[in-house]
């Protein structure tokens, strides 16, 4: 059975509490996928300072049977890490798993619906 995995890719931080909203987001995605009958292959990966790194997360999902993986950079914008570092890591993952389709979305903050949600959040603060 084909399974499509989802990796939320963040920068990482020294403070372990920084990862908490990413864990909550991953939990929401797992629940949404389960309620729609989809597999729950959702995990986190980090560029630095936290584990797992992206190659490790990809290997874990492949081990769970994923034949397609989408990486979602949970970054606000397309800075150097997303434009330069991430494509190089994605290429490394594709080379390590040539039978797996690995796609990469744009940074979450570049999506209009994300910006709309953030605008609504900001307006609620008034």
N, C-alpha and C. Protein backbone atom coordinates (compact mmCIF):
# COMPACT_ATOMS: atom_id res chain seq x y z
N UNK A 1 0.84 -1.18 0.00
CA UNK A 1 0.00 0.00 0.00
C UNK A 1 0.88 1.24 0.00
N UNK A 2 0.62 2.19 -0.90
CA UNK A 2 1.37 3.42 -0.98
C UNK A 2 1.04 4.31 0.23
N UNK A 3 2.07 4.98 0.72
CA UNK A 3 1.87 5.88 1.85
C UNK A 3 2.65 7.16 1.59
N UNK A 4 2.00 8.29 1.82
CA UNK A 4 2.61 9.60 1.62
C UNK A 4 2.94 10.20 2.98
N UNK A 5 4.23 10.40 3.23
CA UNK A 5 4.67 10.97 4.49
C UNK A 5 4.77 12.47 4.42
N UNK A 6 4.71 13.11 5.57
CA UNK A 6 4.80 14.55 5.68
C UNK A 6 5.83 14.89 6.74
N UNK A 7 6.78 15.75 6.36
CA UNK A 7 7.80 16.19 7.31
C UNK A 7 7.69 17.70 7.48
N UNK A 8 7.50 18.13 8.72
CA UNK A 8 7.54 19.55 9.05
C UNK A 8 8.99 19.89 9.37
N UNK A 9 9.57 20.78 8.57
CA UNK A 9 10.99 21.10 8.68
C UNK A 9 11.16 22.48 9.30
N UNK A 10 11.82 22.51 10.46
CA UNK A 10 12.07 23.77 11.16
C UNK A 10 13.55 24.01 11.35
N UNK A 11 13.88 25.18 11.81
CA UNK A 11 15.28 25.56 12.00
C UNK A 11 15.91 24.78 13.14
N UNK A 12 15.25 24.76 14.28
CA UNK A 12 15.82 24.17 15.49
C UNK A 12 16.31 25.27 16.41
N UNK A 13 16.42 24.95 17.70
CA UNK A 13 16.85 25.93 18.70
C UNK A 13 17.47 25.19 19.89
N UNK A 14 18.20 25.93 20.69
CA UNK A 14 18.80 25.33 21.88
C UNK A 14 17.76 25.05 22.96
N UNK A 15 16.74 25.87 23.04
CA UNK A 15 15.69 25.74 24.04
C UNK A 15 14.69 24.67 23.59
N UNK A 16 14.59 23.60 24.35
CA UNK A 16 13.71 22.48 23.98
C UNK A 16 12.25 22.91 23.85
N UNK A 17 11.83 23.96 24.58
CA UNK A 17 10.44 24.42 24.50
C UNK A 17 10.10 24.99 23.13
N UNK A 18 11.11 25.39 22.35
CA UNK A 18 10.88 25.97 21.03
C UNK A 18 10.15 24.98 20.12
N UNK A 19 10.35 23.72 20.32
CA UNK A 19 9.77 22.70 19.45
C UNK A 19 8.31 22.40 19.77
N UNK A 20 7.82 22.86 20.92
CA UNK A 20 6.46 22.52 21.36
C UNK A 20 5.38 22.88 20.35
N UNK A 21 5.35 24.09 19.74
CA UNK A 21 4.29 24.36 18.77
C UNK A 21 4.40 23.48 17.52
N UNK A 22 5.61 23.07 17.17
CA UNK A 22 5.79 22.18 16.02
C UNK A 22 5.23 20.79 16.34
N UNK A 23 5.42 20.34 17.57
CA UNK A 23 4.86 19.05 18.01
C UNK A 23 3.34 19.13 17.99
N UNK A 24 2.77 20.26 18.45
CA UNK A 24 1.32 20.41 18.44
C UNK A 24 0.79 20.41 17.02
N UNK A 25 1.48 21.10 16.11
CA UNK A 25 1.07 21.11 14.71
C UNK A 25 1.12 19.71 14.12
N UNK A 26 2.19 18.97 14.39
CA UNK A 26 2.29 17.60 13.90
C UNK A 26 1.15 16.74 14.45
N UNK A 27 0.80 16.92 15.71
CA UNK A 27 -0.31 16.18 16.30
C UNK A 27 -1.64 16.51 15.61
N UNK A 28 -1.87 17.78 15.32
CA UNK A 28 -3.08 18.18 14.61
C UNK A 28 -3.13 17.54 13.22
N UNK A 29 -2.00 17.50 12.55
CA UNK A 29 -1.95 16.90 11.22
C UNK A 29 -2.19 15.39 11.28
N UNK A 30 -1.60 14.73 12.27
CA UNK A 30 -1.84 13.29 12.43
C UNK A 30 -3.32 13.02 12.65
N UNK A 31 -3.94 13.82 13.51
CA UNK A 31 -5.37 13.64 13.80
C UNK A 31 -6.22 13.90 12.55
N UNK A 32 -5.89 14.93 11.81
CA UNK A 32 -6.65 15.24 10.59
C UNK A 32 -6.50 14.14 9.56
N UNK A 33 -5.31 13.62 9.41
CA UNK A 33 -5.09 12.54 8.44
C UNK A 33 -5.79 11.26 8.89
N UNK A 34 -5.80 11.00 10.19
CA UNK A 34 -6.47 9.79 10.69
C UNK A 34 -7.97 9.90 10.50
N UNK A 35 -8.53 11.08 10.74
CA UNK A 35 -9.99 11.23 10.61
C UNK A 35 -10.44 11.16 9.16
N UNK A 36 -9.52 11.42 8.23
CA UNK A 36 -9.88 11.31 6.82
C UNK A 36 -9.49 9.95 6.24
N UNK A 37 -9.05 9.06 7.10
CA UNK A 37 -8.71 7.72 6.67
C UNK A 37 -7.30 7.58 6.13
N UNK A 38 -6.52 8.64 6.19
CA UNK A 38 -5.16 8.60 5.67
C UNK A 38 -4.16 8.08 6.70
N UNK A 39 -3.01 7.70 6.23
CA UNK A 39 -1.95 7.27 7.13
C UNK A 39 -1.48 8.45 7.96
N UNK A 40 -0.93 8.18 9.10
CA UNK A 40 -0.53 9.22 10.03
C UNK A 40 0.98 9.48 10.00
N UNK A 41 1.62 9.25 8.87
CA UNK A 41 3.08 9.42 8.78
C UNK A 41 3.42 10.90 8.71
N UNK A 42 3.46 11.52 9.89
CA UNK A 42 3.81 12.94 10.02
C UNK A 42 4.91 13.02 11.06
N UNK A 43 5.99 13.71 10.71
CA UNK A 43 7.08 13.83 11.66
C UNK A 43 7.74 15.19 11.53
N UNK A 44 8.64 15.48 12.43
CA UNK A 44 9.39 16.73 12.43
C UNK A 44 10.83 16.45 12.02
N UNK A 45 11.49 17.48 11.51
CA UNK A 45 12.92 17.45 11.23
C UNK A 45 13.45 18.86 11.40
N UNK A 46 14.74 18.95 11.71
CA UNK A 46 15.33 20.25 11.99
C UNK A 46 16.65 20.43 11.26
N UNK A 47 16.94 21.69 10.94
CA UNK A 47 18.18 22.02 10.27
C UNK A 47 19.36 21.88 11.21
N UNK A 48 19.21 22.36 12.43
CA UNK A 48 20.32 22.30 13.39
C UNK A 48 19.79 22.38 14.81
N UNK A 49 20.64 22.01 15.74
CA UNK A 49 20.41 22.14 17.17
C UNK A 49 19.37 21.19 17.76
N UNK A 50 18.57 20.52 16.93
CA UNK A 50 17.57 19.57 17.41
C UNK A 50 17.58 18.35 16.50
N UNK A 51 16.98 17.30 16.98
CA UNK A 51 16.90 16.06 16.21
C UNK A 51 15.44 15.68 16.02
N UNK A 52 15.17 14.96 14.95
CA UNK A 52 16.09 14.44 13.96
C UNK A 52 16.41 15.49 12.89
N UNK A 53 17.50 15.26 12.17
CA UNK A 53 17.76 16.09 11.01
C UNK A 53 16.92 15.54 9.86
N UNK A 54 16.89 16.25 8.74
CA UNK A 54 16.02 15.85 7.63
C UNK A 54 16.38 14.49 7.04
N UNK A 55 17.66 14.19 6.78
CA UNK A 55 17.95 12.86 6.24
C UNK A 55 17.49 11.72 7.16
N UNK A 56 17.62 11.92 8.47
CA UNK A 56 17.17 10.89 9.42
C UNK A 56 15.65 10.75 9.37
N UNK A 57 14.94 11.86 9.32
CA UNK A 57 13.47 11.81 9.27
C UNK A 57 13.00 11.13 7.99
N UNK A 58 13.63 11.43 6.86
CA UNK A 58 13.27 10.80 5.60
C UNK A 58 13.49 9.29 5.71
N UNK A 59 14.63 8.88 6.22
CA UNK A 59 14.94 7.46 6.36
C UNK A 59 13.91 6.77 7.26
N UNK A 60 13.48 7.45 8.33
CA UNK A 60 12.48 6.87 9.22
C UNK A 60 11.15 6.66 8.49
N UNK A 61 10.73 7.66 7.70
CA UNK A 61 9.46 7.51 6.98
C UNK A 61 9.54 6.44 5.90
N UNK A 62 10.68 6.36 5.22
CA UNK A 62 10.87 5.29 4.23
C UNK A 62 10.77 3.94 4.93
N UNK A 63 11.35 3.83 6.11
CA UNK A 63 11.28 2.60 6.89
C UNK A 63 9.86 2.23 7.30
N UNK A 64 8.98 3.24 7.40
CA UNK A 64 7.57 3.01 7.74
C UNK A 64 6.74 2.68 6.50
N UNK A 65 7.38 2.69 5.33
CA UNK A 65 6.67 2.32 4.11
C UNK A 65 6.27 3.47 3.20
N UNK A 66 6.74 4.66 3.48
CA UNK A 66 6.40 5.80 2.62
C UNK A 66 7.13 5.70 1.29
N UNK A 67 6.37 5.88 0.21
CA UNK A 67 6.99 5.92 -1.11
C UNK A 67 6.93 7.32 -1.71
N UNK A 68 6.33 8.24 -0.97
CA UNK A 68 6.32 9.66 -1.33
C UNK A 68 6.39 10.46 -0.04
N UNK A 69 7.14 11.53 -0.07
CA UNK A 69 7.32 12.37 1.12
C UNK A 69 7.27 13.83 0.68
N UNK A 70 6.50 14.62 1.41
CA UNK A 70 6.49 16.06 1.20
C UNK A 70 7.11 16.73 2.41
N UNK A 71 8.07 17.60 2.16
CA UNK A 71 8.73 18.37 3.20
C UNK A 71 8.11 19.76 3.19
N UNK A 72 7.61 20.19 4.34
CA UNK A 72 7.01 21.52 4.47
C UNK A 72 7.92 22.35 5.37
N UNK A 73 8.61 23.35 4.80
CA UNK A 73 9.44 24.22 5.63
C UNK A 73 8.53 25.13 6.47
N UNK A 74 8.56 24.92 7.77
CA UNK A 74 7.76 25.74 8.67
C UNK A 74 8.60 26.95 9.06
N UNK A 75 8.85 27.76 8.04
CA UNK A 75 9.60 29.00 8.15
C UNK A 75 8.66 30.11 7.71
N UNK A 76 8.87 31.31 8.21
CA UNK A 76 8.01 32.41 7.83
C UNK A 76 8.33 32.91 6.42
N UNK A 77 9.60 32.86 6.04
CA UNK A 77 9.98 33.36 4.73
C UNK A 77 11.03 32.48 4.07
N UNK A 78 11.39 32.84 2.85
CA UNK A 78 12.34 32.09 2.05
C UNK A 78 13.75 32.66 2.23
N UNK A 79 14.31 32.54 3.40
CA UNK A 79 15.67 33.01 3.64
C UNK A 79 16.69 32.02 3.11
N UNK A 80 17.94 32.28 3.44
CA UNK A 80 19.04 31.46 2.94
C UNK A 80 18.92 29.99 3.28
N UNK A 81 18.41 29.67 4.46
CA UNK A 81 18.28 28.26 4.83
C UNK A 81 17.31 27.55 3.89
N UNK A 82 16.21 28.20 3.54
CA UNK A 82 15.20 27.58 2.69
C UNK A 82 15.63 27.61 1.22
N UNK A 83 16.28 28.68 0.80
CA UNK A 83 16.68 28.79 -0.61
C UNK A 83 17.95 28.02 -0.94
N UNK A 84 18.87 27.89 0.02
CA UNK A 84 20.18 27.27 -0.28
C UNK A 84 20.40 25.95 0.46
N UNK A 85 20.27 25.99 1.78
CA UNK A 85 20.57 24.79 2.58
C UNK A 85 19.58 23.67 2.32
N UNK A 86 18.29 23.99 2.35
CA UNK A 86 17.26 22.96 2.21
C UNK A 86 17.33 22.23 0.86
N UNK A 87 17.47 22.92 -0.28
CA UNK A 87 17.56 22.18 -1.54
C UNK A 87 18.74 21.20 -1.58
N UNK A 88 19.85 21.58 -0.97
CA UNK A 88 21.01 20.67 -0.94
C UNK A 88 20.70 19.43 -0.11
N UNK A 89 20.00 19.61 1.00
CA UNK A 89 19.65 18.47 1.85
C UNK A 89 18.61 17.59 1.14
N UNK A 90 17.65 18.22 0.48
CA UNK A 90 16.65 17.46 -0.29
C UNK A 90 17.34 16.62 -1.36
N UNK A 91 18.30 17.21 -2.07
CA UNK A 91 19.05 16.45 -3.08
C UNK A 91 19.76 15.26 -2.46
N UNK A 92 20.34 15.46 -1.28
CA UNK A 92 21.02 14.37 -0.56
C UNK A 92 20.02 13.25 -0.23
N UNK A 93 18.83 13.62 0.21
CA UNK A 93 17.80 12.63 0.56
C UNK A 93 17.33 11.88 -0.68
N UNK A 94 17.17 12.60 -1.79
CA UNK A 94 16.75 11.94 -3.03
C UNK A 94 17.80 10.95 -3.51
N UNK A 95 19.07 11.32 -3.36
CA UNK A 95 20.15 10.41 -3.77
C UNK A 95 20.17 9.16 -2.89
N UNK A 96 19.87 9.34 -1.61
CA UNK A 96 19.88 8.20 -0.68
C UNK A 96 18.67 7.29 -0.86
N UNK A 97 17.57 7.85 -1.40
CA UNK A 97 16.32 7.09 -1.56
C UNK A 97 15.75 7.35 -2.95
N UNK A 98 16.40 6.86 -3.99
CA UNK A 98 15.97 7.19 -5.36
C UNK A 98 14.60 6.65 -5.74
N UNK A 99 14.10 5.66 -5.04
CA UNK A 99 12.78 5.10 -5.36
C UNK A 99 11.64 5.88 -4.70
N UNK A 100 11.98 6.86 -3.88
CA UNK A 100 10.98 7.62 -3.14
C UNK A 100 10.84 9.01 -3.77
N UNK A 101 9.60 9.41 -4.00
CA UNK A 101 9.35 10.76 -4.50
C UNK A 101 9.41 11.72 -3.32
N UNK A 102 10.35 12.67 -3.36
CA UNK A 102 10.51 13.64 -2.28
C UNK A 102 10.24 15.02 -2.85
N UNK A 103 9.19 15.65 -2.35
CA UNK A 103 8.81 16.99 -2.78
C UNK A 103 9.05 17.98 -1.65
N UNK A 104 9.18 19.24 -2.02
CA UNK A 104 9.38 20.28 -1.02
C UNK A 104 8.44 21.44 -1.32
N UNK A 105 7.66 21.83 -0.33
CA UNK A 105 6.75 22.97 -0.45
C UNK A 105 7.54 24.26 -0.24
N UNK A 106 6.91 25.38 -0.54
CA UNK A 106 7.52 26.67 -0.22
C UNK A 106 7.39 26.89 1.28
N UNK A 107 8.12 27.85 1.80
CA UNK A 107 8.04 28.18 3.22
C UNK A 107 6.58 28.50 3.58
N UNK A 108 6.14 28.01 4.72
CA UNK A 108 4.74 28.17 5.12
C UNK A 108 4.30 29.63 5.11
N UNK A 109 5.18 30.53 5.53
CA UNK A 109 4.84 31.94 5.58
C UNK A 109 4.68 32.60 4.23
N UNK A 110 5.03 31.90 3.15
CA UNK A 110 4.86 32.44 1.80
C UNK A 110 3.46 32.16 1.26
N UNK A 111 2.68 31.33 1.94
CA UNK A 111 1.35 30.96 1.48
C UNK A 111 0.33 32.01 1.93
N UNK A 112 -0.52 32.45 1.01
CA UNK A 112 -1.50 33.49 1.31
C UNK A 112 -2.46 33.08 2.42
N UNK A 113 -2.87 31.81 2.47
CA UNK A 113 -3.80 31.40 3.52
C UNK A 113 -3.15 31.44 4.90
N UNK A 114 -1.86 31.16 4.95
CA UNK A 114 -1.13 31.27 6.22
C UNK A 114 -1.05 32.73 6.63
N UNK A 115 -0.73 33.61 5.69
CA UNK A 115 -0.67 35.04 5.99
C UNK A 115 -2.04 35.56 6.41
N UNK A 116 -3.11 35.08 5.75
CA UNK A 116 -4.46 35.49 6.16
C UNK A 116 -4.75 35.06 7.59
N UNK A 117 -4.37 33.83 7.95
CA UNK A 117 -4.59 33.35 9.31
C UNK A 117 -3.79 34.18 10.32
N UNK A 118 -2.56 34.53 9.97
CA UNK A 118 -1.75 35.37 10.85
C UNK A 118 -2.33 36.78 10.97
N UNK A 119 -2.84 37.32 9.88
CA UNK A 119 -3.49 38.63 9.94
C UNK A 119 -4.68 38.60 10.88
N UNK A 120 -5.49 37.54 10.79
CA UNK A 120 -6.64 37.41 11.68
C UNK A 120 -6.19 37.30 13.13
N UNK A 121 -5.15 36.55 13.38
CA UNK A 121 -4.59 36.44 14.73
C UNK A 121 -4.18 37.82 15.24
N UNK A 122 -3.46 38.56 14.42
CA UNK A 122 -3.01 39.91 14.83
C UNK A 122 -4.19 40.82 15.11
N UNK A 123 -5.23 40.77 14.28
CA UNK A 123 -6.41 41.59 14.50
C UNK A 123 -7.13 41.24 15.79
N UNK A 124 -7.13 39.95 16.15
CA UNK A 124 -7.76 39.53 17.41
C UNK A 124 -7.02 40.08 18.63
N UNK A 125 -5.79 40.50 18.45
CA UNK A 125 -5.01 41.02 19.57
C UNK A 125 -5.36 42.47 19.91
N UNK A 126 -6.09 43.13 19.01
CA UNK A 126 -6.46 44.54 19.23
C UNK A 126 -7.55 44.67 20.28
